[in-house]
Amino acid sequence: MLWDAEDRSGFASTAGLLVALLRVTATLGIVAAVISIAFLTAPPAMWLGSDLSLLLRYSQAAVVVYVAVVFFRWLATACSIARDVAAEDFEFFPHGAVASFFIPFVNLVLPYRIVKLMCHVSRRACQRGVVQREGIAVIVPAQARAVDEADDDVVEFWWASLLTMLFSLAVAVAAGSSPIAPLAVIGADLALFCAAVAAQRLVRTITDAQLPAVAA
């Protein structure tokens, strides 16, 4: 692994960078959708060959790859903290959580379960104001806010949007030059926008709940 999940010194800054990148991703997603809609009435050759469209697609792909790298770094550290906060309730290891995104079929459900459980254990630990670290209870700052119950819905919305984006991309590739392809690409762009917006809230809320544990 390219990073140490136990190194939490840059956890807050990594989360801040991730949120900023997700904002860029959301912006690119909605802009790409608008441009794709504008090209719907154009000939396929123009839709695929437009310099603006290609530049946007390359930029979008580069940003998404960078977001994925930063997200996995943040996820590994957040999982490590979750294990410290509630070792009995959170059984996932940091590198295993990252690997779950790449295992076929397993990656349709397990990453969602991991992130949702991480929300739950972080919330409970923050609400009771106690961090269990090596069997010793440490009181964390009272001003730490709990992750709201409504964020469970955000996790579900984020994961549904992510799966919709991947499904739409698969349809676009399979459709080739069919008229369905542009529609599928637009669907993928809109789903990417939704996933990025939801991910921003997830990252902020989980990070806010876990920061006291980092400082403890």
Protein backbone atom coordinates (compact mmCIF):
# COMPACT_ATOMS: atom_id res chain seq x y z
CA MET A 1 0.00 0.00 0.00
CA LEU A 2 1.29 3.46 -0.87
CA TRP A 3 0.41 4.92 2.53
CA ASP A 4 0.34 4.00 6.18
CA ALA A 5 -3.22 3.81 7.51
CA GLU A 6 -1.88 4.30 11.04
CA ASP A 7 -0.37 7.68 10.17
CA ARG A 8 -3.16 10.11 11.07
CA SER A 9 -1.19 13.33 11.15
CA GLY A 10 -2.66 14.48 7.84
CA PHE A 11 -6.17 13.06 8.26
CA ALA A 12 -7.92 16.45 8.41
CA SER A 13 -5.93 17.89 5.50
CA THR A 14 -6.58 14.78 3.39
CA ALA A 15 -10.30 15.12 4.10
CA GLY A 16 -10.19 18.81 3.13
CA LEU A 17 -8.41 18.03 -0.12
CA LEU A 18 -10.89 15.27 -0.87
CA VAL A 19 -13.89 17.54 -0.34
CA ALA A 20 -12.36 20.16 -2.65
CA LEU A 21 -11.69 17.55 -5.34
CA LEU A 22 -15.23 16.23 -5.01
CA ARG A 23 -16.55 19.74 -5.66
CA VAL A 24 -14.47 19.88 -8.84
CA THR A 25 -15.77 16.43 -9.81
CA ALA A 26 -19.38 17.49 -9.27
CA THR A 27 -18.83 20.62 -11.36
CA LEU A 28 -17.23 18.67 -14.20
CA GLY A 29 -20.05 16.14 -14.09
CA ILE A 30 -22.82 18.67 -14.49
CA VAL A 31 -20.89 20.65 -17.15
CA ALA A 32 -20.21 17.45 -19.10
CA ALA A 33 -23.91 16.56 -18.93
CA VAL A 34 -24.92 19.97 -20.29
CA ILE A 35 -22.40 19.75 -23.15
CA SER A 36 -23.50 16.20 -23.97
CA ILE A 37 -27.14 17.32 -24.10
CA ALA A 38 -26.11 20.15 -26.45
CA PHE A 39 -24.47 17.60 -28.77
CA LEU A 40 -27.48 15.28 -28.86
CA THR A 41 -28.80 16.87 -32.05
CA ALA A 42 -25.34 16.92 -33.67
CA PRO A 43 -23.99 14.13 -35.89
CA PRO A 44 -22.24 11.33 -33.95
CA ALA A 45 -18.88 12.25 -35.46
CA MET A 46 -19.18 15.80 -34.17
CA TRP A 47 -20.39 14.61 -30.75
CA LEU A 48 -17.41 12.30 -30.36
CA GLY A 49 -14.80 14.49 -31.99
CA SER A 50 -15.49 17.90 -30.51
CA ASP A 51 -12.27 19.35 -29.07
CA LEU A 52 -14.23 20.78 -26.16
CA SER A 53 -15.90 17.48 -25.42
CA LEU A 54 -12.63 15.53 -25.60
CA LEU A 55 -10.79 18.03 -23.42
CA LEU A 56 -13.53 17.87 -20.83
CA ARG A 57 -13.53 14.05 -20.88
CA TYR A 58 -9.77 13.86 -20.40
CA SER A 59 -9.92 16.39 -17.57
CA GLN A 60 -12.81 14.54 -15.99
CA ALA A 61 -11.01 11.20 -16.17
CA ALA A 62 -7.83 12.66 -14.64
CA VAL A 63 -9.74 14.27 -11.76
CA VAL A 64 -11.73 11.10 -11.06
CA VAL A 65 -8.54 9.03 -10.86
CA TYR A 66 -6.97 11.55 -8.48
CA VAL A 67 -10.14 11.63 -6.38
CA ALA A 68 -10.08 7.84 -6.14
CA VAL A 69 -6.49 7.83 -4.87
CA VAL A 70 -7.19 10.50 -2.24
CA PHE A 71 -10.48 8.83 -1.27
CA PHE A 72 -8.80 5.47 -0.67
CA ARG A 73 -6.14 7.12 1.47
CA TRP A 74 -8.82 8.86 3.52
CA LEU A 75 -10.88 5.65 3.74
CA ALA A 76 -7.94 3.59 5.02
CA THR A 77 -7.21 6.09 7.78
CA ALA A 78 -10.90 6.46 8.68
CA CYS A 79 -11.21 2.67 8.95
CA SER A 80 -8.17 2.55 11.22
CA ILE A 81 -9.74 5.18 13.48
CA ALA A 82 -13.08 3.35 13.45
CA ARG A 83 -11.35 0.19 14.65
CA ASP A 84 -9.83 2.13 17.55
CA VAL A 85 -13.14 3.76 18.37
CA ALA A 86 -15.18 0.54 18.31
CA ALA A 87 -13.00 -2.51 17.76
CA GLU A 88 -15.81 -4.88 18.77
CA ASP A 89 -18.30 -3.41 16.28
CA PHE A 90 -16.06 -2.56 13.32
CA GLU A 91 -14.28 -5.66 12.05
CA PHE A 92 -12.92 -4.32 8.76
CA PHE A 93 -9.20 -3.67 8.29
CA PRO A 94 -8.11 -0.49 6.45
CA HIS A 95 -6.40 -2.18 3.49
CA GLY A 96 -9.19 -4.73 3.26
CA ALA A 97 -11.73 -1.92 3.01
CA VAL A 98 -9.82 -0.43 0.09
CA ALA A 99 -9.46 -3.84 -1.58
CA SER A 100 -13.23 -4.42 -1.32
CA PHE A 101 -13.74 -1.85 -4.10
CA PHE A 102 -11.78 -4.02 -6.55
CA ILE A 103 -13.14 -7.52 -5.89
CA PRO A 104 -15.77 -8.45 -8.53
CA PHE A 105 -19.33 -8.92 -7.23
CA VAL A 106 -18.16 -8.27 -3.66
CA ASN A 107 -17.64 -4.62 -4.65
CA LEU A 108 -21.35 -4.28 -5.37
CA VAL A 109 -22.26 -4.46 -1.67
CA LEU A 110 -19.29 -4.63 0.72
CA PRO A 111 -17.92 -1.07 0.27
CA TYR A 112 -21.41 0.29 0.99
CA ARG A 113 -21.62 -1.83 4.16
CA ILE A 114 -18.19 -0.67 5.31
CA VAL A 115 -18.91 3.04 4.88
CA LYS A 116 -22.34 2.78 6.50
CA LEU A 117 -20.96 0.86 9.48
CA MET A 118 -18.16 3.41 9.78
CA CYS A 119 -20.81 6.13 10.05
CA HIS A 120 -22.57 4.19 12.80
CA VAL A 121 -19.55 3.46 14.98
CA SER A 122 -18.16 6.98 14.57
CA ARG A 123 -21.50 8.46 15.59
CA ARG A 124 -21.85 6.25 18.65
CA ALA A 125 -18.32 6.94 19.82
CA CYS A 126 -18.77 10.67 19.36
CA GLN A 127 -22.11 10.68 21.17
CA ARG A 128 -20.78 8.93 24.24
CA GLY A 129 -17.61 11.00 24.20
CA VAL A 130 -15.32 8.04 24.73
CA VAL A 131 -12.57 6.55 22.59
CA GLN A 132 -11.30 3.07 23.37
CA ARG A 133 -7.60 2.99 22.63
CA GLU A 134 -5.71 -0.08 23.82
CA GLY A 135 -8.34 -0.72 26.46
CA ILE A 136 -8.08 2.76 27.98
CA ALA A 137 -11.09 5.09 27.89
CA VAL A 138 -10.13 8.59 26.81
CA ILE A 139 -12.57 11.48 27.10
CA VAL A 140 -12.73 13.47 23.89
CA PRO A 141 -13.83 17.13 23.53
CA ALA A 142 -17.52 17.62 24.25
CA GLN A 143 -17.96 19.99 21.31
CA ALA A 144 -17.45 17.16 18.81
CA ARG A 145 -20.68 16.69 16.91
CA ALA A 146 -22.19 13.31 16.13
CA VAL A 147 -22.87 12.15 12.64
CA ASP A 148 -26.56 12.74 12.08
CA GLU A 149 -28.94 9.81 11.60
CA ALA A 150 -29.97 11.29 8.27
CA ASP A 151 -26.50 10.52 6.91
CA ASP A 152 -27.52 6.88 6.62
CA ASP A 153 -29.71 8.02 3.74
CA VAL A 154 -26.76 9.92 2.29
CA VAL A 155 -24.68 6.72 2.27
CA GLU A 156 -27.43 4.92 0.39
CA PHE A 157 -27.84 7.78 -2.08
CA TRP A 158 -24.06 7.96 -2.65
CA TRP A 159 -23.76 4.24 -3.32
CA ALA A 160 -26.84 4.12 -5.57
CA SER A 161 -25.46 7.05 -7.58
CA LEU A 162 -22.07 5.38 -7.90
CA LEU A 163 -23.58 2.11 -9.14
CA THR A 164 -25.83 4.01 -11.55
CA MET A 165 -22.80 5.80 -12.98
CA LEU A 166 -20.92 2.53 -13.53
CA PHE A 167 -23.98 0.88 -15.07
CA SER A 168 -24.52 3.84 -17.41
CA LEU A 169 -20.89 3.75 -18.52
CA ALA A 170 -21.19 0.02 -19.22
CA VAL A 171 -24.30 0.65 -21.32
CA ALA A 172 -22.53 3.45 -23.22
CA VAL A 173 -19.57 1.20 -24.05
CA ALA A 174 -21.82 -1.68 -25.08
CA ALA A 175 -24.01 0.59 -27.21
CA GLY A 176 -21.05 1.77 -29.31
CA SER A 177 -22.30 4.17 -31.97
CA SER A 178 -25.94 3.51 -31.14
CA PRO A 179 -28.14 6.52 -30.28
CA ILE A 180 -28.43 5.05 -26.80
CA ALA A 181 -24.74 5.76 -26.10
CA PRO A 182 -25.03 9.56 -25.71
CA LEU A 183 -28.02 9.14 -23.39
CA ALA A 184 -26.10 6.64 -21.27
CA VAL A 185 -23.13 9.03 -21.05
CA ILE A 186 -25.43 11.83 -19.89
CA GLY A 187 -26.85 9.49 -17.27
CA ALA A 188 -23.32 8.68 -16.10
CA ASP A 189 -22.45 12.37 -15.85
CA LEU A 190 -25.53 13.15 -13.78
CA ALA A 191 -24.93 10.13 -11.54
CA LEU A 192 -21.31 11.25 -11.05
CA PHE A 193 -22.56 14.68 -10.00
CA CYS A 194 -24.94 13.14 -7.44
CA ALA A 195 -22.30 10.75 -6.10
CA ALA A 196 -19.76 13.56 -5.70
CA VAL A 197 -22.22 15.81 -3.86
CA ALA A 198 -23.23 13.00 -1.48
CA ALA A 199 -19.59 11.99 -0.93
CA GLN A 200 -18.74 15.52 0.19
CA ARG A 201 -21.20 15.27 3.05
CA LEU A 202 -20.06 11.76 3.97
CA VAL A 203 -16.42 12.77 4.15
CA ARG A 204 -17.16 15.89 6.19
CA THR A 205 -19.44 14.16 8.70
CA ILE A 206 -17.28 11.08 9.26
CA THR A 207 -14.17 13.24 9.55
CA ASP A 208 -15.86 15.59 12.03
CA ALA A 209 -16.92 12.65 14.18
CA GLN A 210 -13.47 11.05 14.13
CA LEU A 211 -11.23 14.10 14.58
CA PRO A 212 -11.53 14.05 18.40
CA ALA A 213 -10.20 10.49 18.35
CA VAL A 214 -7.20 11.66 16.33
CA ALA A 215 -6.51 14.43 18.84
CA ALA A 216 -7.02 12.18 21.87
